[in-house]
Amino acid sequence: MTRVKKGVNALKARKNVLRRTKGFRHGRSTKERQATEAIFHAGTSAFAHRKDKKGDARKLWNVKISYAAKELGTSYSKLMGGLKKKGVLLDRKILATLIEENPEIFKKVAELVK
Protein backbone atom coordinates (compact mmCIF):
# COMPACT_ATOMS: atom_id res chain seq x y z
CA MET A 1 0.00 0.00 0.00
CA THR A 2 1.24 3.47 -0.84
CA ARG A 3 2.11 6.00 1.79
CA VAL A 4 -0.38 8.84 2.29
CA LYS A 5 0.87 12.14 3.64
CA LYS A 6 -1.98 14.09 5.19
CA GLY A 7 -0.21 17.32 6.09
CA VAL A 8 -2.31 19.40 3.69
CA ASN A 9 -5.61 18.14 5.08
CA ALA A 10 -4.48 18.51 8.70
CA LEU A 11 -3.41 22.10 8.09
CA LYS A 12 -6.70 22.85 6.34
CA ALA A 13 -8.73 21.47 9.26
CA ARG A 14 -6.61 23.34 11.81
CA LYS A 15 -6.95 26.57 9.85
CA ASN A 16 -10.75 26.19 9.73
CA VAL A 17 -10.93 25.61 13.48
CA LEU A 18 -8.76 28.61 14.26
CA ARG A 19 -10.69 30.78 11.81
CA ARG A 20 -13.90 30.06 13.69
CA THR A 21 -12.34 31.05 17.05
CA LYS A 22 -10.97 34.36 15.85
CA GLY A 23 -11.55 36.94 18.57
CA PHE A 24 -11.80 34.43 21.42
CA ARG A 25 -9.67 35.22 24.47
CA HIS A 26 -6.49 33.54 25.68
CA GLY A 27 -5.46 30.17 24.22
CA ARG A 28 -8.88 29.47 22.76
CA SER A 29 -8.02 31.45 19.67
CA THR A 30 -4.52 30.06 19.08
CA LYS A 31 -4.35 26.50 20.43
CA GLU A 32 -6.13 23.84 18.44
CA ARG A 33 -7.34 21.67 21.30
CA GLN A 34 -8.71 24.60 23.28
CA ALA A 35 -10.19 26.06 20.11
CA THR A 36 -12.17 22.90 19.28
CA GLU A 37 -13.48 22.81 22.84
CA ALA A 38 -14.48 26.49 22.62
CA ILE A 39 -16.28 25.88 19.31
CA PHE A 40 -18.23 23.01 20.86
CA HIS A 41 -19.36 25.08 23.84
CA ALA A 42 -20.12 28.11 21.67
CA GLY A 43 -22.30 25.92 19.48
CA THR A 44 -24.38 24.64 22.39
CA SER A 45 -24.89 28.18 23.66
CA ALA A 46 -25.82 29.41 20.19
CA PHE A 47 -28.43 26.65 19.84
CA ALA A 48 -30.01 27.44 23.21
CA HIS A 49 -29.98 31.19 22.64
CA ARG A 50 -31.66 30.86 19.24
CA LYS A 51 -34.56 29.33 21.14
CA ASP A 52 -34.42 32.04 23.83
CA LYS A 53 -34.55 34.78 21.20
CA LYS A 54 -38.14 33.87 20.32
CA GLY A 55 -39.23 34.25 23.95
CA ASP A 56 -37.38 37.55 24.26
CA ALA A 57 -39.22 38.92 21.23
CA ARG A 58 -42.58 37.85 22.67
CA LYS A 59 -41.76 39.55 26.00
CA LEU A 60 -40.98 42.77 24.14
CA TRP A 61 -44.28 42.59 22.25
CA ASN A 62 -46.13 42.11 25.55
CA VAL A 63 -44.46 45.17 27.06
CA LYS A 64 -45.36 47.30 24.02
CA ILE A 65 -48.97 46.14 24.09
CA SER A 66 -49.23 46.71 27.85
CA TYR A 67 -47.87 50.24 27.60
CA ALA A 68 -50.18 51.14 24.71
CA ALA A 69 -53.18 49.63 26.52
CA LYS A 70 -52.45 51.67 29.65
CA GLU A 71 -52.35 54.84 27.54
CA LEU A 72 -55.86 53.98 26.30
CA GLY A 73 -57.15 53.41 29.85
CA THR A 74 -57.23 49.61 29.99
CA SER A 75 -54.90 46.90 31.15
CA TYR A 76 -53.01 44.33 29.10
CA SER A 77 -54.99 41.39 30.48
CA LYS A 78 -58.36 43.06 29.88
CA LEU A 79 -57.34 43.97 26.34
CA MET A 80 -56.13 40.47 25.47
CA GLY A 81 -59.10 38.81 27.19
CA GLY A 82 -61.52 41.08 25.35
CA LEU A 83 -59.89 40.37 22.01
CA LYS A 84 -60.19 36.65 22.66
CA LYS A 85 -63.88 36.93 23.63
CA LYS A 86 -64.65 39.01 20.53
CA GLY A 87 -62.86 36.47 18.33
CA VAL A 88 -60.25 38.90 17.02
CA LEU A 89 -57.43 36.78 15.59
CA LEU A 90 -54.58 39.27 15.96
CA ASP A 91 -51.50 37.85 17.63
CA ARG A 92 -49.09 39.79 19.83
CA LYS A 93 -46.58 40.36 17.04
CA ILE A 94 -49.18 41.99 14.80
CA LEU A 95 -50.53 44.10 17.66
CA ALA A 96 -47.01 45.33 18.51
CA THR A 97 -46.34 46.30 14.88
CA LEU A 98 -49.71 48.09 14.75
CA ILE A 99 -48.73 50.11 17.81
CA GLU A 100 -45.45 51.18 16.18
CA GLU A 101 -46.63 51.77 12.63
CA ASN A 102 -50.39 52.52 12.80
CA PRO A 103 -51.43 53.65 16.29
CA GLU A 104 -54.84 54.82 15.01
CA ILE A 105 -55.74 51.31 13.90
CA PHE A 106 -54.62 49.94 17.28
CA LYS A 107 -56.94 52.46 18.99
CA LYS A 108 -59.84 51.16 16.88
CA VAL A 109 -58.97 47.58 17.86
CA ALA A 110 -58.84 48.61 21.52
CA GLU A 111 -62.20 50.40 21.19
CA LEU A 112 -63.66 47.13 19.89
CA VAL A 113 -62.89 45.56 23.26
CA LYS A 114 -64.49 48.32 25.36
C-alpha atoms as a PDB file:
ATOM      1  CA  MET A   1       0.000   0.000   0.000  1.00  0.00           C
ATOM      2  CA  THR A   2       1.240   3.466  -0.840  1.00  0.00           C
ATOM      3  CA  ARG A   3       2.114   6.003   1.789  1.00  0.00           C
ATOM      4  CA  VAL A   4      -0.384   8.844   2.291  1.00  0.00           C
ATOM      5  CA  LYS A   5       0.872  12.141   3.638  1.00  0.00           C
ATOM      6  CA  LYS A   6      -1.980  14.088   5.186  1.00  0.00           C
ATOM      7  CA  GLY A   7      -0.212  17.324   6.087  1.00  0.00           C
ATOM      8  CA  VAL A   8      -2.308  19.405   3.689  1.00  0.00           C
ATOM      9  CA  ASN A   9      -5.607  18.139   5.083  1.00  0.00           C
ATOM     10  CA  ALA A  10      -4.483  18.514   8.704  1.00  0.00           C
ATOM     11  CA  LEU A  11      -3.408  22.104   8.088  1.00  0.00           C
ATOM     12  CA  LYS A  12      -6.701  22.854   6.339  1.00  0.00           C
ATOM     13  CA  ALA A  13      -8.726  21.472   9.264  1.00  0.00           C
ATOM     14  CA  ARG A  14      -6.607  23.340  11.807  1.00  0.00           C
ATOM     15  CA  LYS A  15      -6.954  26.570   9.854  1.00  0.00           C
ATOM     16  CA  ASN A  16     -10.748  26.188   9.730  1.00  0.00           C
ATOM     17  CA  VAL A  17     -10.933  25.611  13.483  1.00  0.00           C
ATOM     18  CA  LEU A  18      -8.759  28.607  14.263  1.00  0.00           C
ATOM     19  CA  ARG A  19     -10.686  30.783  11.809  1.00  0.00           C
ATOM     20  CA  ARG A  20     -13.901  30.061  13.687  1.00  0.00           C
ATOM     21  CA  THR A  21     -12.344  31.047  17.045  1.00  0.00           C
ATOM     22  CA  LYS A  22     -10.969  34.361  15.852  1.00  0.00           C
ATOM     23  CA  GLY A  23     -11.548  36.942  18.565  1.00  0.00           C
ATOM     24  CA  PHE A  24     -11.797  34.435  21.421  1.00  0.00           C
ATOM     25  CA  ARG A  25      -9.670  35.215  24.468  1.00  0.00           C
ATOM     26  CA  HIS A  26      -6.494  33.536  25.685  1.00  0.00           C
ATOM     27  CA  GLY A  27      -5.464  30.173  24.224  1.00  0.00           C
ATOM     28  CA  ARG A  28      -8.878  29.465  22.760  1.00  0.00           C
ATOM     29  CA  SER A  29      -8.019  31.453  19.666  1.00  0.00           C
ATOM     30  CA  THR A  30      -4.515  30.062  19.082  1.00  0.00           C
ATOM     31  CA  LYS A  31      -4.348  26.495  20.428  1.00  0.00           C
ATOM     32  CA  GLU A  32      -6.129  23.843  18.436  1.00  0.00           C
ATOM     33  CA  ARG A  33      -7.344  21.673  21.302  1.00  0.00           C
ATOM     34  CA  GLN A  34      -8.706  24.598  23.276  1.00  0.00           C
ATOM     35  CA  ALA A  35     -10.186  26.063  20.114  1.00  0.00           C
ATOM     36  CA  THR A  36     -12.168  22.901  19.278  1.00  0.00           C
ATOM     37  CA  GLU A  37     -13.479  22.813  22.845  1.00  0.00           C
ATOM     38  CA  ALA A  38     -14.477  26.486  22.617  1.00  0.00           C
ATOM     39  CA  ILE A  39     -16.276  25.882  19.305  1.00  0.00           C
ATOM     40  CA  PHE A  40     -18.233  23.009  20.861  1.00  0.00           C
ATOM     41  CA  HIS A  41     -19.361  25.075  23.837  1.00  0.00           C
ATOM     42  CA  ALA A  42     -20.122  28.105  21.673  1.00  0.00           C
ATOM     43  CA  GLY A  43     -22.304  25.917  19.480  1.00  0.00           C
ATOM     44  CA  THR A  44     -24.380  24.635  22.389  1.00  0.00           C
ATOM     45  CA  SER A  45     -24.894  28.181  23.659  1.00  0.00           C
ATOM     46  CA  ALA A  46     -25.823  29.412  20.193  1.00  0.00           C
ATOM     47  CA  PHE A  47     -28.430  26.655  19.838  1.00  0.00           C
ATOM     48  CA  ALA A  48     -30.010  27.444  23.209  1.00  0.00           C
ATOM     49  CA  HIS A  49     -29.980  31.186  22.637  1.00  0.00           C
ATOM     50  CA  ARG A  50     -31.657  30.864  19.239  1.00  0.00           C
ATOM     51  CA  LYS A  51     -34.558  29.334  21.139  1.00  0.00           C
ATOM     52  CA  ASP A  52     -34.420  32.042  23.831  1.00  0.00           C
ATOM     53  CA  LYS A  53     -34.550  34.781  21.196  1.00  0.00           C
ATOM     54  CA  LYS A  54     -38.140  33.870  20.323  1.00  0.00           C
ATOM     55  CA  GLY A  55     -39.225  34.252  23.947  1.00  0.00           C
ATOM     56  CA  ASP A  56     -37.377  37.555  24.261  1.00  0.00           C
ATOM     57  CA  ALA A  57     -39.221  38.919  21.225  1.00  0.00           C
ATOM     58  CA  ARG A  58     -42.579  37.852  22.672  1.00  0.00           C
ATOM     59  CA  LYS A  59     -41.764  39.546  25.999  1.00  0.00           C
ATOM     60  CA  LEU A  60     -40.978  42.768  24.143  1.00  0.00           C
ATOM     61  CA  TRP A  61     -44.279  42.592  22.254  1.00  0.00           C
ATOM     62  CA  ASN A  62     -46.133  42.107  25.551  1.00  0.00           C
ATOM     63  CA  VAL A  63     -44.461  45.169  27.063  1.00  0.00           C
ATOM     64  CA  LYS A  64     -45.356  47.299  24.025  1.00  0.00           C
ATOM     65  CA  ILE A  65     -48.973  46.138  24.094  1.00  0.00           C
ATOM     66  CA  SER A  66     -49.233  46.709  27.849  1.00  0.00           C
ATOM     67  CA  TYR A  67     -47.868  50.241  27.599  1.00  0.00           C
ATOM     68  CA  ALA A  68     -50.185  51.141  24.714  1.00  0.00           C
ATOM     69  CA  ALA A  69     -53.182  49.635  26.515  1.00  0.00           C
ATOM     70  CA  LYS A  70     -52.449  51.674  29.654  1.00  0.00           C
ATOM     71  CA  GLU A  71     -52.353  54.842  27.540  1.00  0.00           C
ATOM     72  CA  LEU A  72     -55.860  53.983  26.300  1.00  0.00           C
ATOM     73  CA  GLY A  73     -57.153  53.406  29.845  1.00  0.00           C
ATOM     74  CA  THR A  74     -57.230  49.615  29.992  1.00  0.00           C
ATOM     75  CA  SER A  75     -54.898  46.896  31.153  1.00  0.00           C
ATOM     76  CA  TYR A  76     -53.008  44.326  29.103  1.00  0.00           C
ATOM     77  CA  SER A  77     -54.987  41.394  30.480  1.00  0.00           C
ATOM     78  CA  LYS A  78     -58.362  43.064  29.879  1.00  0.00           C
ATOM     79  CA  LEU A  79     -57.343  43.975  26.339  1.00  0.00           C
ATOM     80  CA  MET A  80     -56.125  40.466  25.468  1.00  0.00           C
ATOM     81  CA  GLY A  81     -59.095  38.806  27.189  1.00  0.00           C
ATOM     82  CA  GLY A  82     -61.520  41.080  25.352  1.00  0.00           C
ATOM     83  CA  LEU A  83     -59.892  40.370  22.013  1.00  0.00           C
ATOM     84  CA  LYS A  84     -60.191  36.648  22.656  1.00  0.00           C
ATOM     85  CA  LYS A  85     -63.876  36.933  23.630  1.00  0.00           C
ATOM     86  CA  LYS A  86     -64.653  39.015  20.525  1.00  0.00           C
ATOM     87  CA  GLY A  87     -62.860  36.472  18.329  1.00  0.00           C
ATOM     88  CA  VAL A  88     -60.250  38.899  17.021  1.00  0.00           C
ATOM     89  CA  LEU A  89     -57.432  36.778  15.593  1.00  0.00           C
ATOM     90  CA  LEU A  90     -54.581  39.267  15.958  1.00  0.00           C
ATOM     91  CA  ASP A  91     -51.499  37.853  17.633  1.00  0.00           C
ATOM     92  CA  ARG A  92     -49.087  39.785  19.826  1.00  0.00           C
ATOM     93  CA  LYS A  93     -46.576  40.355  17.040  1.00  0.00           C
ATOM     94  CA  ILE A  94     -49.180  41.988  14.798  1.00  0.00           C
ATOM     95  CA  LEU A  95     -50.534  44.103  17.663  1.00  0.00           C
ATOM     96  CA  ALA A  96     -47.012  45.326  18.506  1.00  0.00           C
ATOM     97  CA  THR A  97     -46.342  46.299  14.879  1.00  0.00           C
ATOM     98  CA  LEU A  98     -49.713  48.090  14.751  1.00  0.00           C
ATOM     99  CA  ILE A  99     -48.725  50.109  17.814  1.00  0.00           C
ATOM    100  CA  GLU A 100     -45.453  51.178  16.183  1.00  0.00           C
ATOM    101  CA  GLU A 101     -46.632  51.774  12.627  1.00  0.00           C
ATOM    102  CA  ASN A 102     -50.392  52.517  12.801  1.00  0.00           C
ATOM    103  CA  PRO A 103     -51.431  53.652  16.294  1.00  0.00           C
ATOM    104  CA  GLU A 104     -54.839  54.820  15.006  1.00  0.00           C
ATOM    105  CA  ILE A 105     -55.745  51.309  13.899  1.00  0.00           C
ATOM    106  CA  PHE A 106     -54.622  49.942  17.282  1.00  0.00           C
ATOM    107  CA  LYS A 107     -56.941  52.460  18.986  1.00  0.00           C
ATOM    108  CA  LYS A 108     -59.839  51.159  16.878  1.00  0.00           C
ATOM    109  CA  VAL A 109     -58.970  47.583  17.858  1.00  0.00           C
ATOM    110  CA  ALA A 110     -58.837  48.607  21.521  1.00  0.00           C
ATOM    111  CA  GLU A 111     -62.205  50.397  21.193  1.00  0.00           C
ATOM    112  CA  LEU A 112     -63.659  47.131  19.887  1.00  0.00           C
ATOM    113  CA  VAL A 113     -62.885  45.562  23.265  1.00  0.00           C
ATOM    114  CA  LYS A 114     -64.494  48.322  25.362  1.00  0.00           C
END
